[in-house]
Amino acid sequence: MQKELLVTDAQTLAFETDCHLFQGCGFQAPSVWSFIFEPLFTIGPVEFNKPMLLAIIGTFAILAFFWAGFSKAKVVPGKLQMVAEALYDFVHRGIAKEVIGKKGEPFVPLLVSLFFFVWILNLWALIPIAQFPVSSVIAYPVGLALVVWVTYMTVTFRSNGFVGGIRNLCVPSGLPKPIYVLLTPLEFISNVFVRPFTLAVRLFANMFAGHILILIFTIATWYMLGTVLGTVYASASFVMTLVITVFEMFIQALQAYVFTVLTATYLSQALEEAH
């Protein structure tokens, strides 16, 4: 890829050109360049760009938070331990126990890690300087979906054996036998291929769309300044930016929750005995 063609962000371009409405210049809309970043630094053959750095910082932030909360746990918890316990219990009791039941205990660390990792990847969109949801780069949702898929397949065949695992994936119980001729291949495609695909695309699409909307109204706010009428338009655009940002905060947490709940649902099915 030719690095000279890379533009870090359409918003930066609009600000640098000082382009405004009624000045004869066009609106610098966000594009694919808003999601492509030049390497920040290189370590050996690995080039680290902004999303990669944010993902690494997010990982260490989660580890540091829970380490600080639980490394010196007390019977009467302090404020940080109380917050850490509440967040952990939200996933432990609200997702693992509710969806999987008692068999879900071994998977609590995975579910907790997935929830907070996805959440912080999304949350970077609202953090100053970062201002970019890492999950809007398709590679990250795909990587997480592959982790879930491998775990799902492993648990399925370990719990049921090879034949039982195939039946668990392809043959739902309690249905008339003629239906299985049509249903078995559909179940196989759905469980083995569609599930990881939709898991990744759902997270990616929501974060991608949310970032685009915030960019459009942020750039539009700057673009329409310069005249009295333009300032009126810019004020309306700024209000929309705030509204979408607040809504995006809800979507970010919701997508982390949905991703984790679906993972727990797949694991619950994997643990079911095939009939």
Protein backbone atom coordinates (compact mmCIF):
# COMPACT_ATOMS: atom_id res chain seq x y z
CA MET A 1 0.00 0.00 0.00
CA GLN A 2 1.36 3.42 -0.87
CA LYS A 3 1.85 5.32 2.36
CA GLU A 4 1.74 8.68 0.61
CA LEU A 5 -1.92 8.05 -0.20
CA LEU A 6 -2.89 7.51 3.42
CA VAL A 7 -4.90 10.25 5.12
CA THR A 8 -5.24 9.74 8.85
CA ASP A 9 -8.68 11.25 9.22
CA ALA A 10 -11.20 13.22 7.18
CA GLN A 11 -11.87 15.36 10.24
CA THR A 12 -8.21 16.44 10.41
CA LEU A 13 -8.25 17.22 6.68
CA ALA A 14 -11.31 19.43 7.05
CA PHE A 15 -9.82 21.36 9.97
CA GLU A 16 -6.42 21.84 8.28
CA THR A 17 -7.94 23.23 5.07
CA ASP A 18 -10.17 25.62 7.06
CA CYS A 19 -13.01 24.75 4.73
CA HIS A 20 -16.42 26.26 5.59
CA LEU A 21 -19.88 26.48 4.09
CA PHE A 22 -20.53 29.34 1.63
CA GLN A 23 -16.80 29.62 0.84
CA GLY A 24 -16.93 27.62 -2.36
CA CYS A 25 -15.29 24.49 -1.00
CA GLY A 26 -16.82 21.06 -0.64
CA PHE A 27 -17.65 19.15 2.52
CA GLN A 28 -14.81 16.79 3.50
CA ALA A 29 -16.89 13.74 4.38
CA PRO A 30 -15.43 10.78 6.28
CA SER A 31 -14.26 7.95 4.08
CA VAL A 32 -12.23 4.77 4.20
CA TRP A 33 -9.23 6.93 5.14
CA SER A 34 -10.87 7.60 8.50
CA PHE A 35 -10.11 3.96 9.37
CA ILE A 36 -6.59 3.65 7.93
CA PHE A 37 -3.59 4.76 9.97
CA GLU A 38 0.09 5.07 9.22
CA PRO A 39 2.39 3.10 11.56
CA LEU A 40 3.25 4.98 14.75
CA PHE A 41 6.41 2.96 15.27
CA THR A 42 7.99 -0.29 14.20
CA ILE A 43 9.45 -3.11 16.31
CA GLY A 44 11.29 -5.51 14.04
CA PRO A 45 8.91 -6.65 11.30
CA VAL A 46 5.82 -5.50 13.23
CA GLU A 47 4.35 -2.08 12.49
CA PHE A 48 2.18 -0.66 15.28
CA ASN A 49 -0.60 1.68 14.25
CA LYS A 50 -3.10 3.58 16.37
CA PRO A 51 -5.75 0.81 16.75
CA MET A 52 -3.09 -1.74 17.72
CA LEU A 53 -1.65 0.61 20.33
CA LEU A 54 -5.10 1.34 21.75
CA ALA A 55 -5.88 -2.39 21.98
CA ILE A 56 -2.63 -3.01 23.87
CA ILE A 57 -3.18 -0.07 26.23
CA GLY A 58 -6.75 -1.24 26.81
CA THR A 59 -5.55 -4.73 27.70
CA PHE A 60 -3.07 -3.42 30.25
CA ALA A 61 -5.69 -1.00 31.64
CA ILE A 62 -8.09 -3.89 32.32
CA LEU A 63 -5.34 -6.01 33.90
CA ALA A 64 -4.17 -3.09 36.04
CA PHE A 65 -7.69 -2.27 37.22
CA PHE A 66 -8.58 -5.79 38.33
CA TRP A 67 -5.11 -6.36 39.77
CA ALA A 68 -5.47 -3.21 41.86
CA GLY A 69 -8.97 -4.25 42.90
CA PHE A 70 -8.24 -7.86 43.88
CA SER A 71 -4.50 -8.16 44.64
CA LYS A 72 -5.06 -7.15 48.27
CA ALA A 73 -8.68 -8.17 48.70
CA LYS A 74 -10.22 -7.53 52.11
CA VAL A 75 -13.28 -8.91 53.88
CA VAL A 76 -14.53 -5.33 54.16
CA PRO A 77 -13.74 -4.07 50.65
CA GLY A 78 -12.50 -0.62 49.82
CA LYS A 79 -14.04 1.51 47.09
CA LEU A 80 -11.90 0.12 44.27
CA GLN A 81 -12.47 -3.47 45.36
CA MET A 82 -16.22 -2.84 45.59
CA VAL A 83 -16.30 -1.50 42.03
CA ALA A 84 -14.17 -4.40 40.75
CA GLU A 85 -16.37 -6.95 42.52
CA ALA A 86 -19.55 -5.35 41.18
CA LEU A 87 -18.26 -5.42 37.61
CA TYR A 88 -17.02 -9.00 37.96
CA ASP A 89 -20.33 -10.13 39.50
CA PHE A 90 -22.24 -8.47 36.66
CA VAL A 91 -20.69 -10.93 34.23
CA HIS A 92 -20.41 -13.84 36.66
CA ARG A 93 -23.98 -13.81 37.92
CA GLY A 94 -25.76 -11.84 35.23
CA ILE A 95 -24.35 -13.74 32.26
CA ALA A 96 -22.49 -16.93 33.19
CA LYS A 97 -24.96 -18.21 35.80
CA GLU A 98 -28.07 -16.90 34.08
CA VAL A 99 -27.24 -18.31 30.66
CA ILE A 100 -25.09 -21.39 31.33
CA GLY A 101 -25.90 -22.25 34.95
CA LYS A 102 -23.59 -24.13 37.31
CA LYS A 103 -21.60 -25.55 34.41
CA GLY A 104 -20.59 -22.02 33.46
CA GLU A 105 -18.12 -21.53 36.32
CA PRO A 106 -15.03 -22.63 34.31
CA PHE A 107 -15.89 -20.10 31.61
CA VAL A 108 -16.29 -17.06 33.86
CA PRO A 109 -12.70 -15.82 33.25
CA LEU A 110 -13.25 -16.01 29.48
CA LEU A 111 -16.59 -14.20 29.65
CA VAL A 112 -15.27 -11.50 31.97
CA SER A 113 -12.26 -10.96 29.72
CA LEU A 114 -14.40 -10.77 26.58
CA PHE A 115 -16.89 -8.34 28.07
CA PHE A 116 -14.36 -5.82 29.35
CA PHE A 117 -12.02 -6.15 26.39
CA VAL A 118 -14.81 -5.53 23.87
CA TRP A 119 -16.14 -2.71 26.00
CA ILE A 120 -12.82 -0.89 26.23
CA LEU A 121 -12.18 -1.38 22.50
CA ASN A 122 -15.50 0.37 21.88
CA LEU A 123 -14.98 2.97 24.59
CA TRP A 124 -11.84 4.39 22.97
CA ALA A 125 -14.18 6.25 20.58
CA LEU A 126 -15.13 8.68 23.36
CA ILE A 127 -11.75 9.08 25.04
CA PRO A 128 -9.94 12.32 24.09
CA ILE A 129 -6.88 11.97 21.84
CA ALA A 130 -7.78 8.34 21.04
CA GLN A 131 -11.27 9.05 19.65
CA PHE A 132 -11.43 5.84 17.65
CA PRO A 133 -13.37 2.61 18.35
CA VAL A 134 -10.91 -0.22 17.75
CA SER A 135 -13.81 -2.58 17.05
CA SER A 136 -14.60 -0.59 13.90
CA VAL A 137 -11.58 -2.28 12.31
CA ILE A 138 -12.96 -5.63 11.17
CA ALA A 139 -9.82 -7.59 12.12
CA TYR A 140 -10.48 -7.18 15.84
CA PRO A 141 -14.09 -8.48 15.89
CA VAL A 142 -13.01 -11.32 13.59
CA GLY A 143 -10.16 -12.25 15.94
CA LEU A 144 -12.49 -12.27 18.95
CA ALA A 145 -15.12 -14.26 17.06
CA LEU A 146 -12.47 -16.85 16.15
CA VAL A 147 -11.54 -17.20 19.83
CA VAL A 148 -15.21 -17.80 20.65
CA TRP A 149 -15.64 -20.22 17.74
CA VAL A 150 -12.60 -22.32 18.67
CA THR A 151 -13.76 -22.46 22.30
CA TYR A 152 -17.30 -23.36 21.21
CA MET A 153 -16.12 -26.20 18.94
CA THR A 154 -13.65 -27.51 21.54
CA VAL A 155 -16.25 -27.59 24.32
CA THR A 156 -18.82 -29.20 22.02
CA PHE A 157 -16.63 -32.17 21.10
CA ARG A 158 -15.03 -32.55 24.53
CA SER A 159 -18.43 -32.68 26.21
CA ASN A 160 -20.15 -34.97 23.72
CA GLY A 161 -17.43 -36.85 21.86
CA PHE A 162 -17.10 -36.72 18.08
CA VAL A 163 -20.43 -38.33 17.17
CA GLY A 164 -22.30 -36.61 19.97
CA GLY A 165 -20.70 -33.30 19.02
CA ILE A 166 -21.88 -33.64 15.42
CA ARG A 167 -25.38 -34.43 16.66
CA ASN A 168 -25.23 -31.47 19.04
CA LEU A 169 -24.35 -29.15 16.15
CA CYS A 170 -26.61 -30.59 13.48
CA VAL A 171 -29.48 -32.60 14.96
CA PRO A 172 -31.87 -30.78 17.33
CA SER A 173 -33.95 -33.22 19.35
CA GLY A 174 -37.70 -33.68 19.49
CA LEU A 175 -38.60 -33.09 15.84
CA PRO A 176 -40.23 -35.39 13.26
CA LYS A 177 -37.59 -37.42 11.42
CA PRO A 178 -38.45 -36.24 7.86
CA ILE A 179 -37.63 -32.66 8.88
CA TYR A 180 -34.01 -33.60 9.62
CA VAL A 181 -33.31 -34.04 5.90
CA LEU A 182 -33.67 -30.29 5.45
CA LEU A 183 -32.84 -29.12 8.97
CA THR A 184 -29.52 -30.93 9.52
CA PRO A 185 -27.50 -29.12 6.81
CA LEU A 186 -29.08 -25.80 7.81
CA GLU A 187 -28.14 -26.35 11.45
CA PHE A 188 -24.60 -27.28 10.44
CA ILE A 189 -24.17 -24.12 8.35
CA SER A 190 -25.77 -21.96 11.03
CA ASN A 191 -23.78 -23.28 13.98
CA VAL A 192 -20.40 -23.72 12.32
CA PHE A 193 -20.25 -20.81 9.85
CA VAL A 194 -23.03 -18.27 10.39
CA ARG A 195 -22.57 -17.85 14.14
CA PRO A 196 -18.95 -16.64 14.10
CA PHE A 197 -19.66 -14.51 11.02
CA THR A 198 -22.63 -12.69 12.59
CA LEU A 199 -20.83 -12.38 15.92
CA ALA A 200 -18.00 -10.47 14.25
CA VAL A 201 -20.07 -8.43 11.79
CA ARG A 202 -22.60 -7.31 14.42
CA LEU A 203 -19.89 -5.78 16.60
CA PHE A 204 -17.97 -4.32 13.68
CA ALA A 205 -21.00 -2.80 11.92
CA ASN A 206 -22.34 -1.08 15.05
CA MET A 207 -19.01 0.49 15.93
CA PHE A 208 -18.23 1.41 12.33
CA ALA A 209 -21.61 3.11 11.84
CA GLY A 210 -21.43 4.93 15.17
CA HIS A 211 -17.96 6.33 14.43
CA ILE A 212 -19.03 7.47 10.96
CA LEU A 213 -22.06 9.31 12.38
CA ILE A 214 -20.01 11.07 15.04
CA LEU A 215 -17.42 12.06 12.42
CA ILE A 216 -20.05 13.40 10.01
CA PHE A 217 -21.71 15.68 12.56
CA THR A 218 -18.39 16.75 14.13
CA ILE A 219 -16.94 17.74 10.76
CA ALA A 220 -20.24 19.34 9.74
CA THR A 221 -20.18 21.50 12.89
CA TRP A 222 -16.80 22.93 11.87
CA TYR A 223 -17.70 23.12 8.16
CA MET A 224 -20.85 25.21 8.68
CA LEU A 225 -19.23 27.86 10.87
CA GLY A 226 -18.23 31.22 9.40
CA THR A 227 -21.56 33.02 8.81
CA VAL A 228 -24.59 33.77 10.97
CA LEU A 229 -26.78 31.29 9.11
CA GLY A 230 -23.97 28.76 9.04
CA THR A 231 -23.50 29.10 12.80
CA VAL A 232 -27.18 28.25 13.30
CA TYR A 233 -26.67 25.10 11.23
CA ALA A 234 -23.45 24.36 13.10
CA SER A 235 -25.24 24.63 16.45
CA ALA A 236 -27.82 22.08 15.35
CA SER A 237 -25.05 19.79 14.13
CA PHE A 238 -23.19 20.16 17.45
CA VAL A 239 -26.32 19.18 19.37
CA MET A 240 -26.67 16.12 17.17
CA THR A 241 -23.03 15.26 17.87
CA LEU A 242 -23.73 15.32 21.61
CA VAL A 243 -26.92 13.27 21.24
CA ILE A 244 -25.20 10.63 19.09
CA THR A 245 -22.24 10.52 21.48
CA VAL A 246 -24.49 9.81 24.46
CA PHE A 247 -26.36 7.18 22.44
CA GLU A 248 -23.06 5.67 21.36
CA MET A 249 -22.05 5.23 25.01
CA PHE A 250 -25.11 3.02 25.45
CA ILE A 251 -24.41 1.09 22.24
CA GLN A 252 -20.79 0.47 23.22
CA ALA A 253 -21.77 -1.19 26.50
CA LEU A 254 -24.69 -2.99 24.85
CA GLN A 255 -22.51 -4.51 22.14
CA ALA A 256 -20.04 -5.79 24.73
CA TYR A 257 -22.96 -7.32 26.61
CA VAL A 258 -24.50 -8.87 23.49
CA PHE A 259 -21.16 -10.33 22.39
CA THR A 260 -20.64 -11.92 25.82
CA VAL A 261 -24.21 -13.20 26.15
CA LEU A 262 -24.07 -14.83 22.72
CA THR A 263 -20.76 -16.45 23.65
CA ALA A 264 -22.36 -17.82 26.82
CA THR A 265 -25.34 -19.05 24.79
CA TYR A 266 -23.09 -20.96 22.41
CA LEU A 267 -21.17 -22.51 25.31
CA SER A 268 -24.45 -23.48 26.98
CA GLN A 269 -25.51 -25.32 23.84
CA ALA A 270 -22.08 -26.96 23.59
CA LEU A 271 -22.50 -28.38 27.10
CA GLU A 272 -25.92 -29.86 26.36
CA GLU A 273 -25.99 -33.61 25.91
CA ALA A 274 -26.92 -34.72 22.41
CA HIS A 275 -30.00 -36.89 22.20
